[in-house]
Amino acid sequence: MEQAIHTAINWLSRAKIIGILESYGFQCYDKESTQELEDALRSNIADGTIPPSALDTH
């Protein structure tokens, strides 16, 4: 995955990460750390479930 994607994810707020994940059908829980949510977003971008362009629209 490109460094630019990693950097963009690092700069997103927790609320924005949750917004992206939820808009693609993922359930997010308060008990999940921000790091876990960032990792989930990275994984789903890497495997093509979520397009990298989703980072630009939230």
PDB file of N, CA and C in Angstrom:
ATOM      1  N   MET A   1       0.847  -1.174   0.000  1.00  0.00           N
ATOM      2  CA  MET A   1       0.000   0.000   0.000  1.00  0.00           C
ATOM      3  C   MET A   1       0.892   1.237   0.000  1.00  0.00           C
ATOM      4  N   GLU A   2       0.433   2.238  -0.689  1.00  0.00           N
ATOM      5  CA  GLU A   2       1.216   3.468  -0.791  1.00  0.00           C
ATOM      6  C   GLU A   2       1.372   4.178   0.550  1.00  0.00           C
ATOM      7  N   GLN A   3       2.486   4.842   0.690  1.00  0.00           N
ATOM      8  CA  GLN A   3       2.728   5.623   1.905  1.00  0.00           C
ATOM      9  C   GLN A   3       1.689   6.730   2.052  1.00  0.00           C
ATOM     10  N   ALA A   4       1.251   7.299   0.936  1.00  0.00           N
ATOM     11  CA  ALA A   4       0.258   8.380   0.988  1.00  0.00           C
ATOM     12  C   ALA A   4      -1.036   7.909   1.643  1.00  0.00           C
ATOM     13  N   ILE A   5      -1.417   6.656   1.403  1.00  0.00           N
ATOM     14  CA  ILE A   5      -2.634   6.111   2.006  1.00  0.00           C
ATOM     15  C   ILE A   5      -2.435   5.948   3.517  1.00  0.00           C
ATOM     16  N   HIS A   6      -1.283   5.418   3.910  1.00  0.00           N
ATOM     17  CA  HIS A   6      -0.984   5.286   5.343  1.00  0.00           C
ATOM     18  C   HIS A   6      -1.040   6.652   6.027  1.00  0.00           C
ATOM     19  N   THR A   7      -0.432   7.640   5.404  1.00  0.00           N
ATOM     20  CA  THR A   7      -0.407   8.987   5.971  1.00  0.00           C
ATOM     21  C   THR A   7      -1.812   9.560   6.077  1.00  0.00           C
ATOM     22  N   ALA A   8      -2.605   9.389   5.026  1.00  0.00           N
ATOM     23  CA  ALA A   8      -3.976   9.913   5.037  1.00  0.00           C
ATOM     24  C   ALA A   8      -4.788   9.282   6.163  1.00  0.00           C
ATOM     25  N   ILE A   9      -4.640   7.974   6.350  1.00  0.00           N
ATOM     26  CA  ILE A   9      -5.370   7.290   7.421  1.00  0.00           C
ATOM     27  C   ILE A   9      -4.906   7.803   8.785  1.00  0.00           C
ATOM     28  N   ASN A  10      -3.602   8.015   8.947  1.00  0.00           N
ATOM     29  CA  ASN A  10      -3.072   8.513  10.216  1.00  0.00           C
ATOM     30  C   ASN A  10      -3.639   9.880  10.584  1.00  0.00           C
ATOM     31  N   TRP A  11      -3.975  10.688   9.586  1.00  0.00           N
ATOM     32  CA  TRP A  11      -4.476  12.038   9.833  1.00  0.00           C
ATOM     33  C   TRP A  11      -5.991  12.084  10.030  1.00  0.00           C
ATOM     34  N   LEU A  12      -6.695  10.985   9.750  1.00  0.00           N
ATOM     35  CA  LEU A  12      -8.146  10.969   9.922  1.00  0.00           C
ATOM     36  C   LEU A  12      -8.517  10.904  11.402  1.00  0.00           C
ATOM     37  N   SER A  13      -9.586  11.577  11.740  1.00  0.00           N
ATOM     38  CA  SER A  13     -10.102  11.466  13.111  1.00  0.00           C
ATOM     39  C   SER A  13     -10.785  10.112  13.273  1.00  0.00           C
ATOM     40  N   ARG A  14     -10.950   9.706  14.497  1.00  0.00           N
ATOM     41  CA  ARG A  14     -11.649   8.449  14.785  1.00  0.00           C
ATOM     42  C   ARG A  14     -13.046   8.475  14.166  1.00  0.00           C
ATOM     43  N   ALA A  15     -13.735   9.610  14.301  1.00  0.00           N
ATOM     44  CA  ALA A  15     -15.092   9.730  13.766  1.00  0.00           C
ATOM     45  C   ALA A  15     -15.111   9.540  12.252  1.00  0.00           C
ATOM     46  N   LYS A  16     -14.120  10.067  11.564  1.00  0.00           N
ATOM     47  CA  LYS A  16     -14.075   9.913  10.101  1.00  0.00           C
ATOM     48  C   LYS A  16     -13.771   8.473   9.713  1.00  0.00           C
ATOM     49  N   ILE A  17     -12.883   7.827  10.458  1.00  0.00           N
ATOM     50  CA  ILE A  17     -12.583   6.409  10.180  1.00  0.00           C
ATOM     51  C   ILE A  17     -13.852   5.577  10.346  1.00  0.00           C
ATOM     52  N   ILE A  18     -14.567   5.821  11.424  1.00  0.00           N
ATOM     53  CA  ILE A  18     -15.814   5.099  11.665  1.00  0.00           C
ATOM     54  C   ILE A  18     -16.816   5.388  10.548  1.00  0.00           C
ATOM     55  N   GLY A  19     -16.902   6.635  10.144  1.00  0.00           N
ATOM     56  CA  GLY A  19     -17.814   7.003   9.058  1.00  0.00           C
ATOM     57  C   GLY A  19     -17.520   6.256   7.769  1.00  0.00           C
ATOM     58  N   ILE A  20     -16.250   6.137   7.425  1.00  0.00           N
ATOM     59  CA  ILE A  20     -15.868   5.409   6.212  1.00  0.00           C
ATOM     60  C   ILE A  20     -16.222   3.936   6.356  1.00  0.00           C
ATOM     61  N   LEU A  21     -15.809   3.331   7.457  1.00  0.00           N
ATOM     62  CA  LEU A  21     -16.080   1.904   7.657  1.00  0.00           C
ATOM     63  C   LEU A  21     -17.581   1.628   7.644  1.00  0.00           C
ATOM     64  N   GLU A  22     -18.351   2.437   8.345  1.00  0.00           N
ATOM     65  CA  GLU A  22     -19.797   2.217   8.405  1.00  0.00           C
ATOM     66  C   GLU A  22     -20.460   2.415   7.044  1.00  0.00           C
ATOM     67  N   SER A  23     -19.930   3.330   6.243  1.00  0.00           N
ATOM     68  CA  SER A  23     -20.525   3.554   4.918  1.00  0.00           C
ATOM     69  C   SER A  23     -20.301   2.362   3.988  1.00  0.00           C
ATOM     70  N   TYR A  24     -19.372   1.484   4.355  1.00  0.00           N
ATOM     71  CA  TYR A  24     -19.140   0.256   3.584  1.00  0.00           C
ATOM     72  C   TYR A  24     -19.685  -0.972   4.311  1.00  0.00           C
ATOM     73  N   GLY A  25     -20.563  -0.750   5.272  1.00  0.00           N
ATOM     74  CA  GLY A  25     -21.272  -1.842   5.909  1.00  0.00           C
ATOM     75  C   GLY A  25     -20.620  -2.461   7.125  1.00  0.00           C
ATOM     76  N   PHE A  26     -19.556  -1.872   7.623  1.00  0.00           N
ATOM     77  CA  PHE A  26     -18.882  -2.414   8.799  1.00  0.00           C
ATOM     78  C   PHE A  26     -19.496  -1.851  10.070  1.00  0.00           C
ATOM     79  N   GLN A  27     -19.566  -2.682  11.078  1.00  0.00           N
ATOM     80  CA  GLN A  27     -20.041  -2.264  12.393  1.00  0.00           C
ATOM     81  C   GLN A  27     -18.820  -1.862  13.224  1.00  0.00           C
ATOM     82  N   CYS A  28     -18.882  -0.717  13.866  1.00  0.00           N
ATOM     83  CA  CYS A  28     -17.781  -0.256  14.709  1.00  0.00           C
ATOM     84  C   CYS A  28     -18.283  -0.128  16.147  1.00  0.00           C
ATOM     85  N   TYR A  29     -17.421  -0.471  17.092  1.00  0.00           N
ATOM     86  CA  TYR A  29     -17.795  -0.470  18.501  1.00  0.00           C
ATOM     87  C   TYR A  29     -16.873   0.436  19.313  1.00  0.00           C
ATOM     88  N   ASP A  30     -17.422   1.024  20.362  1.00  0.00           N
ATOM     89  CA  ASP A  30     -16.637   1.901  21.235  1.00  0.00           C
ATOM     90  C   ASP A  30     -15.455   1.175  21.858  1.00  0.00           C
ATOM     91  N   LYS A  31     -15.600  -0.133  22.087  1.00  0.00           N
ATOM     92  CA  LYS A  31     -14.520  -0.898  22.721  1.00  0.00           C
ATOM     93  C   LYS A  31     -13.312  -1.085  21.807  1.00  0.00           C
ATOM     94  N   GLU A  32     -13.477  -0.852  20.503  1.00  0.00           N
ATOM     95  CA  GLU A  32     -12.355  -0.985  19.572  1.00  0.00           C
ATOM     96  C   GLU A  32     -11.482   0.264  19.658  1.00  0.00           C
ATOM     97  N   SER A  33     -10.190   0.052  19.733  1.00  0.00           N
ATOM     98  CA  SER A  33      -9.277   1.192  19.797  1.00  0.00           C
ATOM     99  C   SER A  33      -9.213   1.875  18.425  1.00  0.00           C
ATOM    100  N   THR A  34      -8.772   3.119  18.446  1.00  0.00           N
ATOM    101  CA  THR A  34      -8.589   3.840  17.184  1.00  0.00           C
ATOM    102  C   THR A  34      -7.593   3.095  16.307  1.00  0.00           C
ATOM    103  N   GLN A  35      -6.564   2.522  16.908  1.00  0.00           N
ATOM    104  CA  GLN A  35      -5.572   1.755  16.148  1.00  0.00           C
ATOM    105  C   GLN A  35      -6.221   0.559  15.451  1.00  0.00           C
ATOM    106  N   GLU A  36      -7.113  -0.139  16.147  1.00  0.00           N
ATOM    107  CA  GLU A  36      -7.812  -1.278  15.540  1.00  0.00           C
ATOM    108  C   GLU A  36      -8.659  -0.831  14.355  1.00  0.00           C
ATOM    109  N   LEU A  37      -9.318   0.304  14.494  1.00  0.00           N
ATOM    110  CA  LEU A  37     -10.137   0.817  13.402  1.00  0.00           C
ATOM    111  C   LEU A  37      -9.271   1.257  12.225  1.00  0.00           C
ATOM    112  N   GLU A  38      -8.134   1.905  12.512  1.00  0.00           N
ATOM    113  CA  GLU A  38      -7.197   2.273  11.442  1.00  0.00           C
ATOM    114  C   GLU A  38      -6.700   1.033  10.718  1.00  0.00           C
ATOM    115  N   ASP A  39      -6.367   0.004  11.470  1.00  0.00           N
ATOM    116  CA  ASP A  39      -5.893  -1.249  10.871  1.00  0.00           C
ATOM    117  C   ASP A  39      -6.965  -1.890   9.999  1.00  0.00           C
ATOM    118  N   ALA A  40      -8.209  -1.840  10.459  1.00  0.00           N
ATOM    119  CA  ALA A  40      -9.314  -2.392   9.676  1.00  0.00           C
ATOM    120  C   ALA A  40      -9.473  -1.613   8.373  1.00  0.00           C
ATOM    121  N   LEU A  41      -9.368  -0.311   8.445  1.00  0.00           N
ATOM    122  CA  LEU A  41      -9.480   0.521   7.241  1.00  0.00           C
ATOM    123  C   LEU A  41      -8.336   0.214   6.284  1.00  0.00           C
ATOM    124  N   ARG A  42      -7.114   0.130   6.806  1.00  0.00           N
ATOM    125  CA  ARG A  42      -5.961  -0.200   5.955  1.00  0.00           C
ATOM    126  C   ARG A  42      -6.148  -1.560   5.266  1.00  0.00           C
ATOM    127  N   SER A  43      -6.570  -2.553   6.032  1.00  0.00           N
ATOM    128  CA  SER A  43      -6.759  -3.899   5.485  1.00  0.00           C
ATOM    129  C   SER A  43      -7.801  -3.914   4.377  1.00  0.00           C
ATOM    130  N   ASN A  44      -8.881  -3.201   4.593  1.00  0.00           N
ATOM    131  CA  ASN A  44      -9.959  -3.204   3.612  1.00  0.00           C
ATOM    132  C   ASN A  44      -9.633  -2.381   2.376  1.00  0.00           C
ATOM    133  N   ILE A  45      -8.782  -1.393   2.511  1.00  0.00           N
ATOM    134  CA  ILE A  45      -8.293  -0.675   1.327  1.00  0.00           C
ATOM    135  C   ILE A  45      -7.312  -1.569   0.577  1.00  0.00           C
ATOM    136  N   ALA A  46      -6.439  -2.242   1.312  1.00  0.00           N
ATOM    137  CA  ALA A  46      -5.440  -3.119   0.680  1.00  0.00           C
ATOM    138  C   ALA A  46      -6.089  -4.253  -0.112  1.00  0.00           C
ATOM    139  N   ASP A  47      -7.194  -4.808   0.416  1.00  0.00           N
ATOM    140  CA  ASP A  47      -7.815  -5.946  -0.288  1.00  0.00           C
ATOM    141  C   ASP A  47      -8.885  -5.518  -1.292  1.00  0.00           C
ATOM    142  N   GLY A  48      -9.104  -4.204  -1.428  1.00  0.00           N
ATOM    143  CA  GLY A  48     -10.022  -3.703  -2.447  1.00  0.00           C
ATOM    144  C   GLY A  48     -11.471  -3.581  -2.006  1.00  0.00           C
ATOM    145  N   THR A  49     -11.771  -3.930  -0.763  1.00  0.00           N
ATOM    146  CA  THR A  49     -13.144  -3.811  -0.265  1.00  0.00           C
ATOM    147  C   THR A  49     -13.574  -2.347  -0.221  1.00  0.00           C
ATOM    148  N   ILE A  50     -12.652  -1.488   0.186  1.00  0.00           N
ATOM    149  CA  ILE A  50     -12.894  -0.046   0.239  1.00  0.00           C
ATOM    150  C   ILE A  50     -11.898   0.608  -0.717  1.00  0.00           C
ATOM    151  N   PRO A  51     -12.385   1.448  -1.647  1.00  0.00           N
ATOM    152  CA  PRO A  51     -11.457   2.098  -2.557  1.00  0.00           C
ATOM    153  C   PRO A  51     -10.670   3.211  -1.867  1.00  0.00           C
ATOM    154  N   PRO A  52      -9.427   3.430  -2.266  1.00  0.00           N
ATOM    155  CA  PRO A  52      -8.643   4.514  -1.663  1.00  0.00           C
ATOM    156  C   PRO A  52      -9.330   5.877  -1.780  1.00  0.00           C
ATOM    157  N   SER A  53     -10.151   6.046  -2.801  1.00  0.00           N
ATOM    158  CA  SER A  53     -10.846   7.322  -2.984  1.00  0.00           C
ATOM    159  C   SER A  53     -11.797   7.636  -1.833  1.00  0.00           C
ATOM    160  N   ALA A  54     -12.177   6.626  -1.039  1.00  0.00           N
ATOM    161  CA  ALA A  54     -13.050   6.856   0.113  1.00  0.00           C
ATOM    162  C   ALA A  54     -12.383   7.777   1.132  1.00  0.00           C
ATOM    163  N   LEU A  55     -11.072   7.807   1.148  1.00  0.00           N
ATOM    164  CA  LEU A  55     -10.360   8.678   2.086  1.00  0.00           C
ATOM    165  C   LEU A  55     -10.559  10.147   1.734  1.00  0.00           C
ATOM    166  N   ASP A  56     -10.819  10.422   0.472  1.00  0.00           N
ATOM    167  CA  ASP A  56     -10.962  11.799   0.017  1.00  0.00           C
ATOM    168  C   ASP A  56     -12.373  12.353   0.209  1.00  0.00           C
ATOM    169  N   THR A  57     -13.329  11.467   0.398  1.00  0.00           N
ATOM    170  CA  THR A  57     -14.724  11.911   0.416  1.00  0.00           C
ATOM    171  C   THR A  57     -15.291  12.077   1.810  1.00  0.00           C
ATOM    172  N   HIS A  58     -14.490  11.857   2.841  1.00  0.00           N
ATOM    173  CA  HIS A  58     -15.014  11.973   4.208  1.00  0.00           C
ATOM    174  C   HIS A  58     -14.277  13.044   4.982  1.00  0.00           C
TER     175      HIS A  58
END
